[in-house]
Amino acid sequence: RLDKRNDELYIYDTQLNSDKLKLIKVNKKETLEEQQKAGRRPRFSMINFIIDPNKLEPIMKVKIREKKVIKL
């Protein structure tokens, strides 16, 4: 997640591997994997589909301008 006002990037540990990620529904009818197999590029919001629903907290913060990584 990027906070453009403060030039900060937040990093999350979603505990998802590529197999679990493929099962995410990117629309009402299709999963990410189904769209990939159909030759389309699936699009979805990691924030809306994974981070917010699971109430995940960031594990790191990157201050872009300062080139600093902060472990949370």
PDB file of N, CA and C in Angstrom:
ATOM      1  N   ARG A   1       0.861  -1.166   0.000  1.00  0.00           N
ATOM      2  CA  ARG A   1       0.000   0.000   0.000  1.00  0.00           C
ATOM      3  C   ARG A   1       0.903   1.223   0.000  1.00  0.00           C
ATOM      4  N   LEU A   2       0.602   2.181  -0.833  1.00  0.00           N
ATOM      5  CA  LEU A   2       1.422   3.376  -0.979  1.00  0.00           C
ATOM      6  C   LEU A   2       0.672   4.590  -0.441  1.00  0.00           C
ATOM      7  N   ASP A   3       1.312   5.319   0.443  1.00  0.00           N
ATOM      8  CA  ASP A   3       0.783   6.579   0.946  1.00  0.00           C
ATOM      9  C   ASP A   3       1.499   7.684   0.176  1.00  0.00           C
ATOM     10  N   LYS A   4       0.855   8.164  -0.888  1.00  0.00           N
ATOM     11  CA  LYS A   4       1.495   9.128  -1.779  1.00  0.00           C
ATOM     12  C   LYS A   4       1.758  10.468  -1.096  1.00  0.00           C
ATOM     13  N   ARG A   5       0.939  10.819  -0.132  1.00  0.00           N
ATOM     14  CA  ARG A   5       1.130  12.113   0.541  1.00  0.00           C
ATOM     15  C   ARG A   5       2.437  12.143   1.320  1.00  0.00           C
ATOM     16  N   ASN A   6       2.795  11.006   1.913  1.00  0.00           N
ATOM     17  CA  ASN A   6       3.999  10.957   2.741  1.00  0.00           C
ATOM     18  C   ASN A   6       5.125  10.172   2.089  1.00  0.00           C
ATOM     19  N   ASP A   7       4.931   9.735   0.845  1.00  0.00           N
ATOM     20  CA  ASP A   7       5.936   8.937   0.131  1.00  0.00           C
ATOM     21  C   ASP A   7       6.361   7.729   0.951  1.00  0.00           C
ATOM     22  N   GLU A   8       5.367   6.989   1.465  1.00  0.00           N
ATOM     23  CA  GLU A   8       5.632   5.799   2.255  1.00  0.00           C
ATOM     24  C   GLU A   8       4.982   4.588   1.598  1.00  0.00           C
ATOM     25  N   LEU A   9       5.704   3.486   1.609  1.00  0.00           N
ATOM     26  CA  LEU A   9       5.212   2.229   1.065  1.00  0.00           C
ATOM     27  C   LEU A   9       5.103   1.240   2.211  1.00  0.00           C
ATOM     28  N   TYR A  10       3.946   0.595   2.356  1.00  0.00           N
ATOM     29  CA  TYR A  10       3.736  -0.383   3.410  1.00  0.00           C
ATOM     30  C   TYR A  10       3.760  -1.782   2.811  1.00  0.00           C
ATOM     31  N   ILE A  11       4.455  -2.690   3.475  1.00  0.00           N
ATOM     32  CA  ILE A  11       4.596  -4.066   3.008  1.00  0.00           C
ATOM     33  C   ILE A  11       3.872  -4.993   3.976  1.00  0.00           C
ATOM     34  N   TYR A  12       3.091  -5.930   3.406  1.00  0.00           N
ATOM     35  CA  TYR A  12       2.284  -6.854   4.190  1.00  0.00           C
ATOM     36  C   TYR A  12       2.696  -8.292   3.914  1.00  0.00           C
ATOM     37  N   ASP A  13       2.560  -9.142   4.912  1.00  0.00           N
ATOM     38  CA  ASP A  13       2.741 -10.581   4.731  1.00  0.00           C
ATOM     39  C   ASP A  13       1.342 -11.171   4.616  1.00  0.00           C
ATOM     40  N   THR A  14       0.949 -11.525   3.407  1.00  0.00           N
ATOM     41  CA  THR A  14      -0.411 -12.009   3.161  1.00  0.00           C
ATOM     42  C   THR A  14      -0.562 -13.502   3.414  1.00  0.00           C
ATOM     43  N   GLN A  15       0.539 -14.217   3.565  1.00  0.00           N
ATOM     44  CA  GLN A  15       0.517 -15.667   3.765  1.00  0.00           C
ATOM     45  C   GLN A  15      -0.091 -16.399   2.574  1.00  0.00           C
ATOM     46  N   LEU A  16      -0.040 -15.776   1.388  1.00  0.00           N
ATOM     47  CA  LEU A  16      -0.594 -16.396   0.184  1.00  0.00           C
ATOM     48  C   LEU A  16       0.538 -16.835  -0.738  1.00  0.00           C
ATOM     49  N   ASN A  17       0.466 -18.083  -1.196  1.00  0.00           N
ATOM     50  CA  ASN A  17       1.392 -18.529  -2.225  1.00  0.00           C
ATOM     51  C   ASN A  17       0.664 -18.452  -3.569  1.00  0.00           C
ATOM     52  N   SER A  18       1.328 -18.797  -4.643  1.00  0.00           N
ATOM     53  CA  SER A  18       0.721 -18.640  -5.967  1.00  0.00           C
ATOM     54  C   SER A  18      -0.504 -19.548  -6.146  1.00  0.00           C
ATOM     55  N   ASP A  19      -0.524 -20.715  -5.514  1.00  0.00           N
ATOM     56  CA  ASP A  19      -1.689 -21.595  -5.623  1.00  0.00           C
ATOM     57  C   ASP A  19      -2.921 -20.985  -4.961  1.00  0.00           C
ATOM     58  N   LYS A  20      -2.743 -20.392  -3.790  1.00  0.00           N
ATOM     59  CA  LYS A  20      -3.866 -19.748  -3.095  1.00  0.00           C
ATOM     60  C   LYS A  20      -4.312 -18.498  -3.844  1.00  0.00           C
ATOM     61  N   LEU A  21      -3.367 -17.781  -4.398  1.00  0.00           N
ATOM     62  CA  LEU A  21      -3.680 -16.556  -5.127  1.00  0.00           C
ATOM     63  C   LEU A  21      -4.543 -16.843  -6.354  1.00  0.00           C
ATOM     64  N   LYS A  22      -4.285 -17.952  -7.016  1.00  0.00           N
ATOM     65  CA  LYS A  22      -5.040 -18.324  -8.213  1.00  0.00           C
ATOM     66  C   LYS A  22      -6.523 -18.565  -7.926  1.00  0.00           C
ATOM     67  N   LEU A  23      -6.879 -18.848  -6.678  1.00  0.00           N
ATOM     68  CA  LEU A  23      -8.263 -19.143  -6.310  1.00  0.00           C
ATOM     69  C   LEU A  23      -9.102 -17.899  -6.044  1.00  0.00           C
ATOM     70  N   ILE A  24      -8.479 -16.736  -6.014  1.00  0.00           N
ATOM     71  CA  ILE A  24      -9.203 -15.495  -5.737  1.00  0.00           C
ATOM     72  C   ILE A  24     -10.112 -15.147  -6.904  1.00  0.00           C
ATOM     73  N   LYS A  25     -11.367 -14.853  -6.580  1.00  0.00           N
ATOM     74  CA  LYS A  25     -12.321 -14.455  -7.614  1.00  0.00           C
ATOM     75  C   LYS A  25     -12.072 -12.993  -7.977  1.00  0.00           C
ATOM     76  N   VAL A  26     -11.798 -12.755  -9.249  1.00  0.00           N
ATOM     77  CA  VAL A  26     -11.530 -11.392  -9.699  1.00  0.00           C
ATOM     78  C   VAL A  26     -12.771 -10.712 -10.266  1.00  0.00           C
ATOM     79  N   ASN A  27     -13.798 -11.507 -10.491  1.00  0.00           N
ATOM     80  CA  ASN A  27     -15.111 -10.961 -10.838  1.00  0.00           C
ATOM     81  C   ASN A  27     -16.158 -11.970 -10.372  1.00  0.00           C
ATOM     82  N   LYS A  28     -17.416 -11.757 -10.711  1.00  0.00           N
ATOM     83  CA  LYS A  28     -18.476 -12.633 -10.194  1.00  0.00           C
ATOM     84  C   LYS A  28     -18.388 -14.065 -10.709  1.00  0.00           C
ATOM     85  N   LYS A  29     -17.748 -14.263 -11.862  1.00  0.00           N
ATOM     86  CA  LYS A  29     -17.754 -15.579 -12.489  1.00  0.00           C
ATOM     87  C   LYS A  29     -16.402 -16.283 -12.533  1.00  0.00           C
ATOM     88  N   GLU A  30     -15.297 -15.534 -12.460  1.00  0.00           N
ATOM     89  CA  GLU A  30     -14.002 -16.138 -12.729  1.00  0.00           C
ATOM     90  C   GLU A  30     -12.977 -15.914 -11.619  1.00  0.00           C
ATOM     91  N   THR A  31     -12.077 -16.897 -11.491  1.00  0.00           N
ATOM     92  CA  THR A  31     -10.944 -16.753 -10.590  1.00  0.00           C
ATOM     93  C   THR A  31      -9.769 -16.175 -11.372  1.00  0.00           C
ATOM     94  N   LEU A  32      -8.744 -15.804 -10.632  1.00  0.00           N
ATOM     95  CA  LEU A  32      -7.535 -15.289 -11.252  1.00  0.00           C
ATOM     96  C   LEU A  32      -6.966 -16.325 -12.225  1.00  0.00           C
ATOM     97  N   GLU A  33      -6.932 -17.587 -11.815  1.00  0.00           N
ATOM     98  CA  GLU A  33      -6.390 -18.644 -12.663  1.00  0.00           C
ATOM     99  C   GLU A  33      -7.202 -18.819 -13.951  1.00  0.00           C
ATOM    100  N   GLU A  34      -8.516 -18.756 -13.851  1.00  0.00           N
ATOM    101  CA  GLU A  34      -9.359 -18.909 -15.041  1.00  0.00           C
ATOM    102  C   GLU A  34      -9.098 -17.799 -16.049  1.00  0.00           C
ATOM    103  N   GLN A  35      -8.924 -16.584 -15.553  1.00  0.00           N
ATOM    104  CA  GLN A  35      -8.630 -15.477 -16.462  1.00  0.00           C
ATOM    105  C   GLN A  35      -7.259 -15.644 -17.103  1.00  0.00           C
ATOM    106  N   GLN A  36      -6.279 -16.117 -16.327  1.00  0.00           N
ATOM    107  CA  GLN A  36      -4.944 -16.352 -16.886  1.00  0.00           C
ATOM    108  C   GLN A  36      -5.003 -17.409 -17.992  1.00  0.00           C
ATOM    109  N   LYS A  37      -5.721 -18.494 -17.744  1.00  0.00           N
ATOM    110  CA  LYS A  37      -5.814 -19.577 -18.730  1.00  0.00           C
ATOM    111  C   LYS A  37      -6.523 -19.120 -20.002  1.00  0.00           C
ATOM    112  N   ALA A  38      -7.414 -18.131 -19.872  1.00  0.00           N
ATOM    113  CA  ALA A  38      -8.129 -17.602 -21.026  1.00  0.00           C
ATOM    114  C   ALA A  38      -7.288 -16.569 -21.781  1.00  0.00           C
ATOM    115  N   GLY A  39      -6.067 -16.329 -21.307  1.00  0.00           N
ATOM    116  CA  GLY A  39      -5.178 -15.404 -21.992  1.00  0.00           C
ATOM    117  C   GLY A  39      -5.415 -13.946 -21.639  1.00  0.00           C
ATOM    118  N   ARG A  40      -6.187 -13.708 -20.584  1.00  0.00           N
ATOM    119  CA  ARG A  40      -6.436 -12.329 -20.155  1.00  0.00           C
ATOM    120  C   ARG A  40      -5.580 -12.018 -18.931  1.00  0.00           C
ATOM    121  N   ARG A  41      -5.348 -10.751 -18.709  1.00  0.00           N
ATOM    122  CA  ARG A  41      -4.572 -10.324 -17.550  1.00  0.00           C
ATOM    123  C   ARG A  41      -5.542  -9.922 -16.438  1.00  0.00           C
ATOM    124  N   PRO A  42      -5.646 -10.760 -15.405  1.00  0.00           N
ATOM    125  CA  PRO A  42      -6.603 -10.445 -14.328  1.00  0.00           C
ATOM    126  C   PRO A  42      -6.172  -9.225 -13.530  1.00  0.00           C
ATOM    127  N   ARG A  43      -7.162  -8.453 -13.125  1.00  0.00           N
ATOM    128  CA  ARG A  43      -6.884  -7.264 -12.317  1.00  0.00           C
ATOM    129  C   ARG A  43      -7.800  -7.284 -11.095  1.00  0.00           C
ATOM    130  N   PHE A  44      -7.197  -7.023  -9.951  1.00  0.00           N
ATOM    131  CA  PHE A  44      -7.966  -6.915  -8.721  1.00  0.00           C
ATOM    132  C   PHE A  44      -7.143  -6.122  -7.719  1.00  0.00           C
ATOM    133  N   SER A  45      -7.782  -5.649  -6.692  1.00  0.00           N
ATOM    134  CA  SER A  45      -7.115  -4.839  -5.683  1.00  0.00           C
ATOM    135  C   SER A  45      -6.694  -5.720  -4.513  1.00  0.00           C
ATOM    136  N   MET A  46      -5.389  -5.805  -4.269  1.00  0.00           N
ATOM    137  CA  MET A  46      -4.880  -6.548  -3.110  1.00  0.00           C
ATOM    138  C   MET A  46      -5.434  -5.936  -1.821  1.00  0.00           C
ATOM    139  N   ILE A  47      -5.577  -4.623  -1.806  1.00  0.00           N
ATOM    140  CA  ILE A  47      -6.090  -3.939  -0.619  1.00  0.00           C
ATOM    141  C   ILE A  47      -7.534  -4.351  -0.369  1.00  0.00           C
ATOM    142  N   ASN A  48      -8.380  -4.284  -1.400  1.00  0.00           N
ATOM    143  CA  ASN A  48      -9.802  -4.586  -1.233  1.00  0.00           C
ATOM    144  C   ASN A  48     -10.102  -6.068  -1.060  1.00  0.00           C
ATOM    145  N   PHE A  49      -9.319  -6.934  -1.681  1.00  0.00           N
ATOM    146  CA  PHE A  49      -9.613  -8.362  -1.656  1.00  0.00           C
ATOM    147  C   PHE A  49      -8.872  -9.124  -0.557  1.00  0.00           C
ATOM    148  N   ILE A  50      -7.726  -8.637  -0.116  1.00  0.00           N
ATOM    149  CA  ILE A  50      -6.926  -9.415   0.824  1.00  0.00           C
ATOM    150  C   ILE A  50      -6.591  -8.640   2.105  1.00  0.00           C
ATOM    151  N   ILE A  51      -6.010  -7.461   1.973  1.00  0.00           N
ATOM    152  CA  ILE A  51      -5.522  -6.731   3.140  1.00  0.00           C
ATOM    153  C   ILE A  51      -6.656  -6.265   4.056  1.00  0.00           C
ATOM    154  N   ASP A  52      -7.618  -5.524   3.525  1.00  0.00           N
ATOM    155  CA  ASP A  52      -8.707  -4.999   4.352  1.00  0.00           C
ATOM    156  C   ASP A  52      -9.626  -6.095   4.909  1.00  0.00           C
ATOM    157  N   PRO A  53     -10.098  -7.046   4.087  1.00  0.00           N
ATOM    158  CA  PRO A  53     -10.992  -8.080   4.637  1.00  0.00           C
ATOM    159  C   PRO A  53     -10.354  -8.927   5.743  1.00  0.00           C
ATOM    160  N   ASN A  54      -9.047  -9.134   5.664  1.00  0.00           N
ATOM    161  CA  ASN A  54      -8.352  -9.947   6.665  1.00  0.00           C
ATOM    162  C   ASN A  54      -7.720  -9.106   7.774  1.00  0.00           C
ATOM    163  N   LYS A  55      -7.988  -7.807   7.733  1.00  0.00           N
ATOM    164  CA  LYS A  55      -7.486  -6.865   8.738  1.00  0.00           C
ATOM    165  C   LYS A  55      -5.990  -7.040   8.981  1.00  0.00           C
ATOM    166  N   LEU A  56      -5.236  -7.129   7.883  1.00  0.00           N
ATOM    167  CA  LEU A  56      -3.796  -7.308   7.970  1.00  0.00           C
ATOM    168  C   LEU A  56      -3.112  -5.994   8.322  1.00  0.00           C
ATOM    169  N   GLU A  57      -2.062  -6.106   9.095  1.00  0.00           N
ATOM    170  CA  GLU A  57      -1.251  -4.954   9.471  1.00  0.00           C
ATOM    171  C   GLU A  57       0.073  -5.041   8.720  1.00  0.00           C
ATOM    172  N   PRO A  58       0.653  -3.903   8.362  1.00  0.00           N
ATOM    173  CA  PRO A  58       1.936  -3.938   7.647  1.00  0.00           C
ATOM    174  C   PRO A  58       3.048  -4.491   8.537  1.00  0.00           C
ATOM    175  N   ILE A  59       4.019  -5.141   7.894  1.00  0.00           N
ATOM    176  CA  ILE A  59       5.171  -5.662   8.624  1.00  0.00           C
ATOM    177  C   ILE A  59       6.394  -4.762   8.436  1.00  0.00           C
ATOM    178  N   MET A  60       6.356  -3.929   7.397  1.00  0.00           N
ATOM    179  CA  MET A  60       7.448  -2.991   7.122  1.00  0.00           C
ATOM    180  C   MET A  60       6.900  -1.724   6.497  1.00  0.00           C
ATOM    181  N   LYS A  61       7.675  -0.661   6.687  1.00  0.00           N
ATOM    182  CA  LYS A  61       7.344   0.604   6.051  1.00  0.00           C
ATOM    183  C   LYS A  61       8.609   1.096   5.368  1.00  0.00           C
ATOM    184  N   VAL A  62       8.473   1.558   4.126  1.00  0.00           N
ATOM    185  CA  VAL A  62       9.597   2.112   3.384  1.00  0.00           C
ATOM    186  C   VAL A  62       9.345   3.598   3.195  1.00  0.00           C
ATOM    187  N   LYS A  63      10.253   4.405   3.728  1.00  0.00           N
ATOM    188  CA  LYS A  63      10.183   5.853   3.517  1.00  0.00           C
ATOM    189  C   LYS A  63      10.977   6.124   2.254  1.00  0.00           C
ATOM    190  N   ILE A  64      10.280   6.352   1.178  1.00  0.00           N
ATOM    191  CA  ILE A  64      10.894   6.412  -0.144  1.00  0.00           C
ATOM    192  C   ILE A  64      11.894   7.564  -0.263  1.00  0.00           C
ATOM    193  N   ARG A  65      11.517   8.737   0.121  1.00  0.00           N
ATOM    194  CA  ARG A  65      12.419   9.895  -0.015  1.00  0.00           C
ATOM    195  C   ARG A  65      13.674   9.754   0.839  1.00  0.00           C
ATOM    196  N   GLU A  66      13.497   9.144   2.003  1.00  0.00           N
ATOM    197  CA  GLU A  66      14.631   9.008   2.919  1.00  0.00           C
ATOM    198  C   GLU A  66      15.436   7.723   2.642  1.00  0.00           C
ATOM    199  N   LYS A  67      14.918   6.880   1.759  1.00  0.00           N
ATOM    200  CA  LYS A  67      15.553   5.586   1.457  1.00  0.00           C
ATOM    201  C   LYS A  67      15.776   4.786   2.740  1.00  0.00           C
ATOM    202  N   LYS A  68      14.701   4.691   3.530  1.00  0.00           N
ATOM    203  CA  LYS A  68      14.784   4.047   4.826  1.00  0.00           C
ATOM    204  C   LYS A  68      13.720   2.962   4.945  1.00  0.00           C
ATOM    205  N   VAL A  69      14.109   1.781   5.474  1.00  0.00           N
ATOM    206  CA  VAL A  69      13.172   0.692   5.714  1.00  0.00           C
ATOM    207  C   VAL A  69      13.000   0.535   7.216  1.00  0.00           C
ATOM    208  N   ILE A  70      11.739   0.508   7.637  1.00  0.00           N
ATOM    209  CA  ILE A  70      11.435   0.397   9.060  1.00  0.00           C
ATOM    210  C   ILE A  70      10.627  -0.872   9.280  1.00  0.00           C
ATOM    211  N   LYS A  71      11.136  -1.754  10.124  1.00  0.00           N
ATOM    212  CA  LYS A  71      10.425  -2.982  10.466  1.00  0.00           C
ATOM    213  C   LYS A  71       9.399  -2.653  11.547  1.00  0.00           C
ATOM    214  N   LEU A  72       8.145  -3.035  11.331  1.00  0.00           N
ATOM    215  CA  LEU A  72       7.085  -2.706  12.281  1.00  0.00           C
ATOM    216  C   LEU A  72       6.763  -3.863  13.200  1.00  0.00           C
TER     217      LEU A  72
END
